[in-house]
PDB file of N, CA and C in Angstrom:
ATOM      1  N   SER A   1      14.815  16.577   4.164  1.00  0.00           N
ATOM      2  CA  SER A   1      14.807  15.190   4.623  1.00  0.00           C
ATOM      3  C   SER A   1      15.366  15.130   6.039  1.00  0.00           C
ATOM      4  N   PRO A   2      15.056  14.074   6.760  1.00  0.00           N
ATOM      5  CA  PRO A   2      15.574  13.959   8.122  1.00  0.00           C
ATOM      6  C   PRO A   2      17.100  13.994   8.213  1.00  0.00           C
ATOM      7  N   ASP A   3      17.803  13.544   7.156  1.00  0.00           N
ATOM      8  CA  ASP A   3      19.270  13.560   7.182  1.00  0.00           C
ATOM      9  C   ASP A   3      19.863  14.860   6.634  1.00  0.00           C
ATOM     10  N   ASN A   4      19.003  15.807   6.290  1.00  0.00           N
ATOM     11  CA  ASN A   4      19.422  17.120   5.773  1.00  0.00           C
ATOM     12  C   ASN A   4      20.207  17.046   4.467  1.00  0.00           C
ATOM     13  N   LYS A   5      20.014  15.988   3.688  1.00  0.00           N
ATOM     14  CA  LYS A   5      20.728  15.848   2.417  1.00  0.00           C
ATOM     15  C   LYS A   5      19.842  16.119   1.209  1.00  0.00           C
ATOM     16  N   ARG A   6      18.528  16.140   1.416  1.00  0.00           N
ATOM     17  CA  ARG A   6      17.593  16.335   0.308  1.00  0.00           C
ATOM     18  C   ARG A   6      16.504  17.323   0.697  1.00  0.00           C
ATOM     19  N   ILE A   7      15.952  17.940  -0.331  1.00  0.00           N
ATOM     20  CA  ILE A   7      14.804  18.831  -0.171  1.00  0.00           C
ATOM     21  C   ILE A   7      13.756  18.387  -1.180  1.00  0.00           C
ATOM     22  N   ALA A   8      12.499  18.385  -0.780  1.00  0.00           N
ATOM     23  CA  ALA A   8      11.403  18.063  -1.697  1.00  0.00           C
ATOM     24  C   ALA A   8      10.633  19.337  -2.002  1.00  0.00           C
ATOM     25  N   SER A   9      10.254  19.481  -3.264  1.00  0.00           N
ATOM     26  CA  SER A   9       9.446  20.639  -3.656  1.00  0.00           C
ATOM     27  C   SER A   9       8.360  20.197  -4.621  1.00  0.00           C
ATOM     28  N   GLY A  10       7.249  20.903  -4.568  1.00  0.00           N
ATOM     29  CA  GLY A  10       6.159  20.678  -5.507  1.00  0.00           C
ATOM     30  C   GLY A  10       6.199  21.753  -6.566  1.00  0.00           C
ATOM     31  N   SER A  11       5.560  21.466  -7.699  1.00  0.00           N
ATOM     32  CA  SER A  11       5.662  22.392  -8.819  1.00  0.00           C
ATOM     33  C   SER A  11       4.336  22.542  -9.553  1.00  0.00           C
ATOM     34  N   GLU A  12       4.234  23.660 -10.246  1.00  0.00           N
ATOM     35  CA  GLU A  12       3.070  23.932 -11.078  1.00  0.00           C
ATOM     36  C   GLU A  12       2.979  22.949 -12.244  1.00  0.00           C
ATOM     37  N   ASP A  13       4.104  22.325 -12.609  1.00  0.00           N
ATOM     38  CA  ASP A  13       4.097  21.374 -13.731  1.00  0.00           C
ATOM     39  C   ASP A  13       3.680  19.956 -13.304  1.00  0.00           C
ATOM     40  N   SER A  14       3.103  19.824 -12.120  1.00  0.00           N
ATOM     41  CA  SER A  14       2.539  18.567 -11.597  1.00  0.00           C
ATOM     42  C   SER A  14       3.581  17.574 -11.101  1.00  0.00           C
ATOM     43  N   THR A  15       4.799  17.997 -10.888  1.00  0.00           N
ATOM     44  CA  THR A  15       5.847  17.084 -10.433  1.00  0.00           C
ATOM     45  C   THR A  15       6.246  17.348  -8.986  1.00  0.00           C
ATOM     46  N   VAL A  16       6.791  16.301  -8.378  1.00  0.00           N
ATOM     47  CA  VAL A  16       7.449  16.404  -7.080  1.00  0.00           C
ATOM     48  C   VAL A  16       8.935  16.263  -7.362  1.00  0.00           C
ATOM     49  N   CYS A  17       9.710  17.262  -6.998  1.00  0.00           N
ATOM     50  CA  CYS A  17      11.160  17.211  -7.222  1.00  0.00           C
ATOM     51  C   CYS A  17      11.875  16.891  -5.923  1.00  0.00           C
ATOM     52  N   ILE A  18      12.865  16.026  -6.023  1.00  0.00           N
ATOM     53  CA  ILE A  18      13.733  15.710  -4.894  1.00  0.00           C
ATOM     54  C   ILE A  18      15.105  16.262  -5.235  1.00  0.00           C
ATOM     55  N   TRP A  19      15.531  17.228  -4.463  1.00  0.00           N
ATOM     56  CA  TRP A  19      16.793  17.933  -4.702  1.00  0.00           C
ATOM     57  C   TRP A  19      17.870  17.352  -3.808  1.00  0.00           C
ATOM     58  N   ASP A  20      18.985  16.955  -4.398  1.00  0.00           N
ATOM     59  CA  ASP A  20      20.144  16.458  -3.659  1.00  0.00           C
ATOM     60  C   ASP A  20      21.047  17.652  -3.383  1.00  0.00           C
ATOM     61  N   ILE A  21      21.157  18.030  -2.129  1.00  0.00           N
ATOM     62  CA  ILE A  21      21.907  19.232  -1.759  1.00  0.00           C
ATOM     63  C   ILE A  21      23.390  19.084  -2.061  1.00  0.00           C
ATOM     64  N   GLU A  22      23.953  17.910  -1.810  1.00  0.00           N
ATOM     65  CA  GLU A  22      25.386  17.708  -2.022  1.00  0.00           C
ATOM     66  C   GLU A  22      25.757  17.657  -3.497  1.00  0.00           C
ATOM     67  N   LYS A  23      24.913  17.036  -4.319  1.00  0.00           N
ATOM     68  CA  LYS A  23      25.210  16.886  -5.747  1.00  0.00           C
ATOM     69  C   LYS A  23      24.683  18.041  -6.590  1.00  0.00           C
ATOM     70  N   HIS A  24      23.909  18.936  -5.974  1.00  0.00           N
ATOM     71  CA  HIS A  24      23.310  20.060  -6.705  1.00  0.00           C
ATOM     72  C   HIS A  24      22.530  19.562  -7.917  1.00  0.00           C
ATOM     73  N   ASP A  25      21.726  18.522  -7.696  1.00  0.00           N
ATOM     74  CA  ASP A  25      20.966  17.894  -8.767  1.00  0.00           C
ATOM     75  C   ASP A  25      19.578  17.567  -8.241  1.00  0.00           C
ATOM     76  N   HIS A  26      18.657  17.256  -9.146  1.00  0.00           N
ATOM     77  CA  HIS A  26      17.323  16.861  -8.722  1.00  0.00           C
ATOM     78  C   HIS A  26      16.727  15.835  -9.678  1.00  0.00           C
ATOM     79  N   LEU A  27      15.755  15.116  -9.167  1.00  0.00           N
ATOM     80  CA  LEU A  27      14.977  14.172  -9.960  1.00  0.00           C
ATOM     81  C   LEU A  27      13.509  14.496  -9.764  1.00  0.00           C
ATOM     82  N   SER A  28      12.732  14.362 -10.824  1.00  0.00           N
ATOM     83  CA  SER A  28      11.306  14.665 -10.765  1.00  0.00           C
ATOM     84  C   SER A  28      10.482  13.388 -10.734  1.00  0.00           C
ATOM     85  N   ASN A  29       9.407  13.426  -9.962  1.00  0.00           N
ATOM     86  CA  ASN A  29       8.442  12.330  -9.893  1.00  0.00           C
ATOM     87  C   ASN A  29       7.148  12.813 -10.525  1.00  0.00           C
ATOM     88  N   GLU A  30       6.672  12.079 -11.514  1.00  0.00           N
ATOM     89  CA  GLU A  30       5.448  12.463 -12.210  1.00  0.00           C
ATOM     90  C   GLU A  30       4.303  11.550 -11.810  1.00  0.00           C
ATOM     91  N   GLY A  31       3.106  12.112 -11.718  1.00  0.00           N
ATOM     92  CA  GLY A  31       1.925  11.325 -11.380  1.00  0.00           C
ATOM     93  C   GLY A  31       0.715  12.195 -11.116  1.00  0.00           C
ATOM     94  N   HIS A  32       0.941  13.308 -10.428  1.00  0.00           N
ATOM     95  CA  HIS A  32      -0.162  14.242 -10.210  1.00  0.00           C
ATOM     96  C   HIS A  32      -0.567  14.847 -11.552  1.00  0.00           C
ATOM     97  N   THR A  33      -1.776  15.382 -11.600  1.00  0.00           N
ATOM     98  CA  THR A  33      -2.263  15.996 -12.838  1.00  0.00           C
ATOM     99  C   THR A  33      -2.502  17.491 -12.686  1.00  0.00           C
ATOM    100  N   ALA A  34      -2.054  18.059 -11.573  1.00  0.00           N
ATOM    101  CA  ALA A  34      -2.194  19.498 -11.332  1.00  0.00           C
ATOM    102  C   ALA A  34      -1.100  19.922 -10.351  1.00  0.00           C
ATOM    103  N   TRP A  35      -1.062  21.190 -10.046  1.00  0.00           N
ATOM    104  CA  TRP A  35      -0.059  21.794  -9.164  1.00  0.00           C
ATOM    105  C   TRP A  35       0.140  20.931  -7.921  1.00  0.00           C
ATOM    106  N   VAL A  36       1.387  20.701  -7.544  1.00  0.00           N
ATOM    107  CA  VAL A  36       1.732  19.915  -6.357  1.00  0.00           C
ATOM    108  C   VAL A  36       2.083  20.864  -5.224  1.00  0.00           C
ATOM    109  N   ARG A  37       1.515  20.574  -4.062  1.00  0.00           N
ATOM    110  CA  ARG A  37       1.724  21.426  -2.889  1.00  0.00           C
ATOM    111  C   ARG A  37       2.307  20.624  -1.721  1.00  0.00           C
ATOM    112  N   SER A  38       3.099  21.269  -0.957  1.00  0.00           N
ATOM    113  CA  SER A  38       3.596  20.838   0.352  1.00  0.00           C
ATOM    114  C   SER A  38       4.090  19.399   0.473  1.00  0.00           C
ATOM    115  N   PRO A  39       5.028  18.965  -0.368  1.00  0.00           N
ATOM    116  CA  PRO A  39       5.563  17.613  -0.157  1.00  0.00           C
ATOM    117  C   PRO A  39       6.267  17.519   1.197  1.00  0.00           C
ATOM    118  N   SER A  40       6.216  16.337   1.774  1.00  0.00           N
ATOM    119  CA  SER A  40       6.765  16.139   3.114  1.00  0.00           C
ATOM    120  C   SER A  40       7.438  14.770   3.212  1.00  0.00           C
ATOM    121  N   PHE A  41       8.594  14.727   3.854  1.00  0.00           N
ATOM    122  CA  PHE A  41       9.323  13.472   4.033  1.00  0.00           C
ATOM    123  C   PHE A  41       8.756  12.648   5.188  1.00  0.00           C
ATOM    124  N   HIS A  42       8.804  11.328   5.011  1.00  0.00           N
ATOM    125  CA  HIS A  42       8.531  10.383   6.092  1.00  0.00           C
ATOM    126  C   HIS A  42       9.661  10.529   7.107  1.00  0.00           C
ATOM    127  N   PRO A  43       9.412  10.254   8.390  1.00  0.00           N
ATOM    128  CA  PRO A  43      10.487  10.363   9.382  1.00  0.00           C
ATOM    129  C   PRO A  43      11.737   9.547   9.063  1.00  0.00           C
ATOM    130  N   ASP A  44      11.608   8.428   8.325  1.00  0.00           N
ATOM    131  CA  ASP A  44      12.802   7.641   7.986  1.00  0.00           C
ATOM    132  C   ASP A  44      13.499   8.137   6.719  1.00  0.00           C
ATOM    133  N   GLY A  45      12.896   9.122   6.029  1.00  0.00           N
ATOM    134  CA  GLY A  45      13.504   9.703   4.836  1.00  0.00           C
ATOM    135  C   GLY A  45      13.353   8.880   3.573  1.00  0.00           C
ATOM    136  N   LYS A  46      12.674   7.739   3.636  1.00  0.00           N
ATOM    137  CA  LYS A  46      12.573   6.848   2.475  1.00  0.00           C
ATOM    138  C   LYS A  46      11.340   7.095   1.612  1.00  0.00           C
ATOM    139  N   LYS A  47      10.404   7.878   2.122  1.00  0.00           N
ATOM    140  CA  LYS A  47       9.179   8.180   1.387  1.00  0.00           C
ATOM    141  C   LYS A  47       8.881   9.670   1.477  1.00  0.00           C
ATOM    142  N   ILE A  48       8.113  10.128   0.498  1.00  0.00           N
ATOM    143  CA  ILE A  48       7.596  11.496   0.492  1.00  0.00           C
ATOM    144  C   ILE A  48       6.103  11.397   0.221  1.00  0.00           C
ATOM    145  N   ILE A  49       5.336  12.282   0.836  1.00  0.00           N
ATOM    146  CA  ILE A  49       3.931  12.415   0.468  1.00  0.00           C
ATOM    147  C   ILE A  49       3.737  13.783  -0.158  1.00  0.00           C
ATOM    148  N   SER A  50       2.729  13.868  -1.009  1.00  0.00           N
ATOM    149  CA  SER A  50       2.423  15.147  -1.647  1.00  0.00           C
ATOM    150  C   SER A  50       0.923  15.283  -1.811  1.00  0.00           C
ATOM    151  N   GLY A  51       0.459  16.516  -1.730  1.00  0.00           N
ATOM    152  CA  GLY A  51      -0.931  16.846  -2.022  1.00  0.00           C
ATOM    153  C   GLY A  51      -0.948  17.711  -3.264  1.00  0.00           C
ATOM    154  N   SER A  52      -2.096  17.755  -3.926  1.00  0.00           N
ATOM    155  CA  SER A  52      -2.142  18.446  -5.209  1.00  0.00           C
ATOM    156  C   SER A  52      -3.491  19.097  -5.454  1.00  0.00           C
ATOM    157  N   ASP A  53      -3.485  20.003  -6.415  1.00  0.00           N
ATOM    158  CA  ASP A  53      -4.734  20.597  -6.883  1.00  0.00           C
ATOM    159  C   ASP A  53      -5.609  19.569  -7.588  1.00  0.00           C
ATOM    160  N   ASP A  54      -5.091  18.369  -7.863  1.00  0.00           N
ATOM    161  CA  ASP A  54      -5.916  17.309  -8.451  1.00  0.00           C
ATOM    162  C   ASP A  54      -6.730  16.565  -7.383  1.00  0.00           C
ATOM    163  N   SER A  55      -6.707  17.070  -6.146  1.00  0.00           N
ATOM    164  CA  SER A  55      -7.489  16.550  -5.007  1.00  0.00           C
ATOM    165  C   SER A  55      -6.969  15.237  -4.449  1.00  0.00           C
ATOM    166  N   THR A  56      -5.771  14.826  -4.817  1.00  0.00           N
ATOM    167  CA  THR A  56      -5.232  13.558  -4.324  1.00  0.00           C
ATOM    168  C   THR A  56      -4.015  13.768  -3.434  1.00  0.00           C
ATOM    169  N   VAL A  57      -3.740  12.739  -2.650  1.00  0.00           N
ATOM    170  CA  VAL A  57      -2.513  12.627  -1.868  1.00  0.00           C
ATOM    171  C   VAL A  57      -1.774  11.426  -2.447  1.00  0.00           C
ATOM    172  N   ARG A  58      -0.474  11.579  -2.665  1.00  0.00           N
ATOM    173  CA  ARG A  58       0.314  10.478  -3.232  1.00  0.00           C
ATOM    174  C   ARG A  58       1.548  10.222  -2.370  1.00  0.00           C
ATOM    175  N   ILE A  59       1.978   8.966  -2.386  1.00  0.00           N
ATOM    176  CA  ILE A  59       3.158   8.543  -1.631  1.00  0.00           C
ATOM    177  C   ILE A  59       4.223   8.141  -2.640  1.00  0.00           C
ATOM    178  N   TRP A  60       5.460   8.571  -2.403  1.00  0.00           N
ATOM    179  CA  TRP A  60       6.566   8.352  -3.344  1.00  0.00           C
ATOM    180  C   TRP A  60       7.717   7.635  -2.655  1.00  0.00           C
ATOM    181  N   ASP A  61       8.351   6.730  -3.376  1.00  0.00           N
ATOM    182  CA  ASP A  61       9.578   6.080  -2.930  1.00  0.00           C
ATOM    183  C   ASP A  61      10.740   6.986  -3.326  1.00  0.00           C
ATOM    184  N   VAL A  62      11.482   7.469  -2.352  1.00  0.00           N
ATOM    185  CA  VAL A  62      12.560   8.429  -2.609  1.00  0.00           C
ATOM    186  C   VAL A  62      13.671   7.822  -3.457  1.00  0.00           C
ATOM    187  N   GLU A  63      14.059   6.586  -3.187  1.00  0.00           N
ATOM    188  CA  GLU A  63      15.171   5.966  -3.912  1.00  0.00           C
ATOM    189  C   GLU A  63      14.787   5.519  -5.321  1.00  0.00           C
ATOM    190  N   LYS A  64      13.603   4.955  -5.471  1.00  0.00           N
ATOM    191  CA  LYS A  64      13.169   4.436  -6.775  1.00  0.00           C
ATOM    192  C   LYS A  64      12.498   5.497  -7.643  1.00  0.00           C
ATOM    193  N   HIS A  65      12.169   6.642  -7.036  1.00  0.00           N
ATOM    194  CA  HIS A  65      11.506   7.737  -7.757  1.00  0.00           C
ATOM    195  C   HIS A  65      10.221   7.266  -8.420  1.00  0.00           C
ATOM    196  N   LYS A  66       9.453   6.472  -7.668  1.00  0.00           N
ATOM    197  CA  LYS A  66       8.199   5.936  -8.177  1.00  0.00           C
ATOM    198  C   LYS A  66       7.099   6.141  -7.146  1.00  0.00           C
ATOM    199  N   GLN A  67       5.888   6.223  -7.650  1.00  0.00           N
ATOM    200  CA  GLN A  67       4.739   6.307  -6.770  1.00  0.00           C
ATOM    201  C   GLN A  67       4.508   4.958  -6.108  1.00  0.00           C
ATOM    202  N   ILE A  68       4.125   4.984  -4.838  1.00  0.00           N
ATOM    203  CA  ILE A  68       3.798   3.778  -4.089  1.00  0.00           C
ATOM    204  C   ILE A  68       2.277   3.663  -4.030  1.00  0.00           C
ATOM    205  N   GLY A  69       1.743   2.592  -4.550  1.00  0.00           N
ATOM    206  CA  GLY A  69       0.306   2.367  -4.483  1.00  0.00           C
ATOM    207  C   GLY A  69      -0.498   3.346  -5.322  1.00  0.00           C
ATOM    208  N   GLN A  70      -1.781   3.373  -5.050  1.00  0.00           N
ATOM    209  CA  GLN A  70      -2.707   4.242  -5.767  1.00  0.00           C
ATOM    210  C   GLN A  70      -2.827   5.587  -5.052  1.00  0.00           C
ATOM    211  N   PRO A  71      -3.263   6.623  -5.774  1.00  0.00           N
ATOM    212  CA  PRO A  71      -3.492   7.913  -5.117  1.00  0.00           C
ATOM    213  C   PRO A  71      -4.545   7.769  -4.015  1.00  0.00           C
ATOM    214  N   LEU A  72      -4.370   8.521  -2.954  1.00  0.00           N
ATOM    215  CA  LEU A  72      -5.358   8.553  -1.878  1.00  0.00           C
ATOM    216  C   LEU A  72      -6.390   9.610  -2.248  1.00  0.00           C
ATOM    217  N   GLN A  73      -7.636   9.180  -2.366  1.00  0.00           N
ATOM    218  CA  GLN A  73      -8.704  10.076  -2.798  1.00  0.00           C
ATOM    219  C   GLN A  73      -9.736  10.210  -1.697  1.00  0.00           C
ATOM    220  N   GLY A  74     -10.286  11.402  -1.559  1.00  0.00           N
ATOM    221  CA  GLY A  74     -11.287  11.651  -0.528  1.00  0.00           C
ATOM    222  C   GLY A  74     -11.601  13.124  -0.392  1.00  0.00           C
ATOM    223  N   HIS A  75     -10.688  13.954  -0.838  1.00  0.00           N
ATOM    224  CA  HIS A  75     -10.942  15.393  -0.832  1.00  0.00           C
ATOM    225  C   HIS A  75     -11.694  15.770  -2.105  1.00  0.00           C
ATOM    226  N   HIS A  76     -12.445  16.866  -2.020  1.00  0.00           N
ATOM    227  CA  HIS A  76     -13.252  17.297  -3.166  1.00  0.00           C
ATOM    228  C   HIS A  76     -12.620  18.437  -3.948  1.00  0.00           C
ATOM    229  N   VAL A  77     -11.680  19.111  -3.351  1.00  0.00           N
ATOM    230  CA  VAL A  77     -10.929  20.170  -4.039  1.00  0.00           C
ATOM    231  C   VAL A  77      -9.466  20.032  -3.658  1.00  0.00           C
ATOM    232  N   TRP A  78      -8.638  21.006  -4.025  1.00  0.00           N
ATOM    233  CA  TRP A  78      -7.193  20.860  -3.872  1.00  0.00           C
ATOM    234  C   TRP A  78      -6.744  20.646  -2.437  1.00  0.00           C
ATOM    235  N   VAL A  79      -5.702  19.842  -2.331  1.00  0.00           N
ATOM    236  CA  VAL A  79      -5.109  19.494  -1.041  1.00  0.00           C
ATOM    237  C   VAL A  79      -4.059  20.550  -0.709  1.00  0.00           C
ATOM    238  N   GLN A  80      -4.265  21.238   0.402  1.00  0.00           N
ATOM    239  CA  GLN A  80      -3.377  22.339   0.787  1.00  0.00           C
ATOM    240  C   GLN A  80      -2.112  21.878   1.490  1.00  0.00           C
ATOM    241  N   SER A  81      -2.242  20.883   2.371  1.00  0.00           N
ATOM    242  CA  SER A  81      -1.064  20.468   3.132  1.00  0.00           C
ATOM    243  C   SER A  81      -1.163  18.993   3.503  1.00  0.00           C
ATOM    244  N   VAL A  82      -0.003  18.380   3.629  1.00  0.00           N
ATOM    245  CA  VAL A  82       0.100  16.968   4.004  1.00  0.00           C
ATOM    246  C   VAL A  82       1.279  16.794   4.955  1.00  0.00           C
ATOM    247  N   ALA A  83       1.181  15.794   5.821  1.00  0.00           N
ATOM    248  CA  ALA A  83       2.294  15.495   6.729  1.00  0.00           C
ATOM    249  C   ALA A  83       2.147  14.076   7.252  1.00  0.00           C
ATOM    250  N   PHE A  84       3.271  13.451   7.551  1.00  0.00           N
ATOM    251  CA  PHE A  84       3.254  12.203   8.297  1.00  0.00           C
ATOM    252  C   PHE A  84       3.145  12.568   9.767  1.00  0.00           C
ATOM    253  N   ILE A  85       2.383  11.789  10.545  1.00  0.00           N
ATOM    254  CA  ILE A  85       2.416  12.020  11.978  1.00  0.00           C
ATOM    255  C   ILE A  85       3.791  11.551  12.458  1.00  0.00           C
ATOM    256  N   PRO A  86       4.256  12.023  13.615  1.00  0.00           N
ATOM    257  CA  PRO A  86       5.651  11.780  14.011  1.00  0.00           C
ATOM    258  C   PRO A  86       6.132  10.337  13.973  1.00  0.00           C
ATOM    259  N   ASP A  87       5.271   9.352  14.264  1.00  0.00           N
ATOM    260  CA  ASP A  87       5.751   7.963  14.218  1.00  0.00           C
ATOM    261  C   ASP A  87       5.757   7.400  12.797  1.00  0.00           C
ATOM    262  N   GLY A  88       5.252   8.169  11.818  1.00  0.00           N
ATOM    263  CA  GLY A  88       5.287   7.768  10.420  1.00  0.00           C
ATOM    264  C   GLY A  88       4.239   6.755  10.006  1.00  0.00           C
ATOM    265  N   LYS A  89       3.340   6.383  10.917  1.00  0.00           N
ATOM    266  CA  LYS A  89       2.365   5.334  10.609  1.00  0.00           C
ATOM    267  C   LYS A  89       1.096   5.850   9.941  1.00  0.00           C
ATOM    268  N   LYS A  90       0.843   7.127  10.026  1.00  0.00           N
ATOM    269  CA  LYS A  90      -0.345   7.710   9.406  1.00  0.00           C
ATOM    270  C   LYS A  90       0.020   9.008   8.707  1.00  0.00           C
ATOM    271  N   ILE A  91      -0.855   9.375   7.790  1.00  0.00           N
ATOM    272  CA  ILE A  91      -0.723  10.629   7.050  1.00  0.00           C
ATOM    273  C   ILE A  91      -1.928  11.486   7.396  1.00  0.00           C
ATOM    274  N   ILE A  92      -1.708  12.768   7.496  1.00  0.00           N
ATOM    275  CA  ILE A  92      -2.805  13.708   7.670  1.00  0.00           C
ATOM    276  C   ILE A  92      -2.786  14.661   6.481  1.00  0.00           C
ATOM    277  N   SER A  93      -3.961  14.975   5.964  1.00  0.00           N
ATOM    278  CA  SER A  93      -4.056  15.922   4.850  1.00  0.00           C
ATOM    279  C   SER A  93      -5.201  16.889   5.108  1.00  0.00           C
ATOM    280  N   ARG A  94      -5.019  18.109   4.620  1.00  0.00           N
ATOM    281  CA  ARG A  94      -6.041  19.141   4.749  1.00  0.00           C
ATOM    282  C   ARG A  94      -6.303  19.711   3.370  1.00  0.00           C
ATOM    283  N   SER A  95      -7.586  19.955   3.109  1.00  0.00           N
ATOM    284  CA  SER A  95      -7.982  20.428   1.791  1.00  0.00           C
ATOM    285  C   SER A  95      -8.681  21.779   1.878  1.00  0.00           C
ATOM    286  N   LYS A  96      -8.748  22.457   0.755  1.00  0.00           N
ATOM    287  CA  LYS A  96      -9.455  23.727   0.642  1.00  0.00           C
ATOM    288  C   LYS A  96     -10.950  23.549   0.923  1.00  0.00           C
ATOM    289  N   ASP A  97     -11.453  22.310   0.884  1.00  0.00           N
ATOM    290  CA  ASP A  97     -12.863  22.063   1.201  1.00  0.00           C
ATOM    291  C   ASP A  97     -13.114  22.009   2.713  1.00  0.00           C
ATOM    292  N   ASN A  98     -12.101  22.419   3.502  1.00  0.00           N
ATOM    293  CA  ASN A  98     -12.178  22.480   4.966  1.00  0.00           C
ATOM    294  C   ASN A  98     -12.326  21.106   5.617  1.00  0.00           C
ATOM    295  N   THR A  99     -11.778  20.078   4.975  1.00  0.00           N
ATOM    296  CA  THR A  99     -11.777  18.750   5.575  1.00  0.00           C
ATOM    297  C   THR A  99     -10.350  18.332   5.895  1.00  0.00           C
ATOM    298  N   VAL A 100     -10.249  17.483   6.890  1.00  0.00           N
ATOM    299  CA  VAL A 100      -8.974  16.878   7.273  1.00  0.00           C
ATOM    300  C   VAL A 100      -9.168  15.372   7.198  1.00  0.00           C
ATOM    301  N   HIS A 101      -8.227  14.680   6.579  1.00  0.00           N
ATOM    302  CA  HIS A 101      -8.292  13.219   6.485  1.00  0.00           C
ATOM    303  C   HIS A 101      -7.050  12.618   7.130  1.00  0.00           C
ATOM    304  N   PHE A 102      -7.265  11.501   7.821  1.00  0.00           N
ATOM    305  CA  PHE A 102      -6.169  10.681   8.327  1.00  0.00           C
ATOM    306  C   PHE A 102      -6.131   9.420   7.476  1.00  0.00           C
ATOM    307  N   TRP A 103      -4.947   9.050   7.030  1.00  0.00           N
ATOM    308  CA  TRP A 103      -4.769   7.889   6.158  1.00  0.00           C
ATOM    309  C   TRP A 103      -3.817   6.914   6.830  1.00  0.00           C
ATOM    310  N   ASN A 104      -4.131   5.617   6.747  1.00  0.00           N
ATOM    311  CA  ASN A 104      -3.246   4.583   7.313  1.00  0.00           C
ATOM    312  C   ASN A 104      -2.169   4.213   6.326  1.00  0.00           C
TER     313      ASN A 104
END
């Protein structure tokens, strides 16, 4: 996270985990239906995005541990990487189908 207090990880069990470095604890976010890859924090640290083998990109509220909105769909196979652009206003995702999507 931008404040260096949390780490996000994706898992084969379809969850996004948010690890609290100071408390040595974590919370899992469920919603994906396949392996989760490359979760990334928003520049303000309040959201995380994740891509998955289920071909979706999802946005998570870090504090509420809930998905925000509906999954972003557009890739045809697994999503390899996701990131917020530096100002945090858009998301970029890349898939194994050799496509790149920008999301508002």
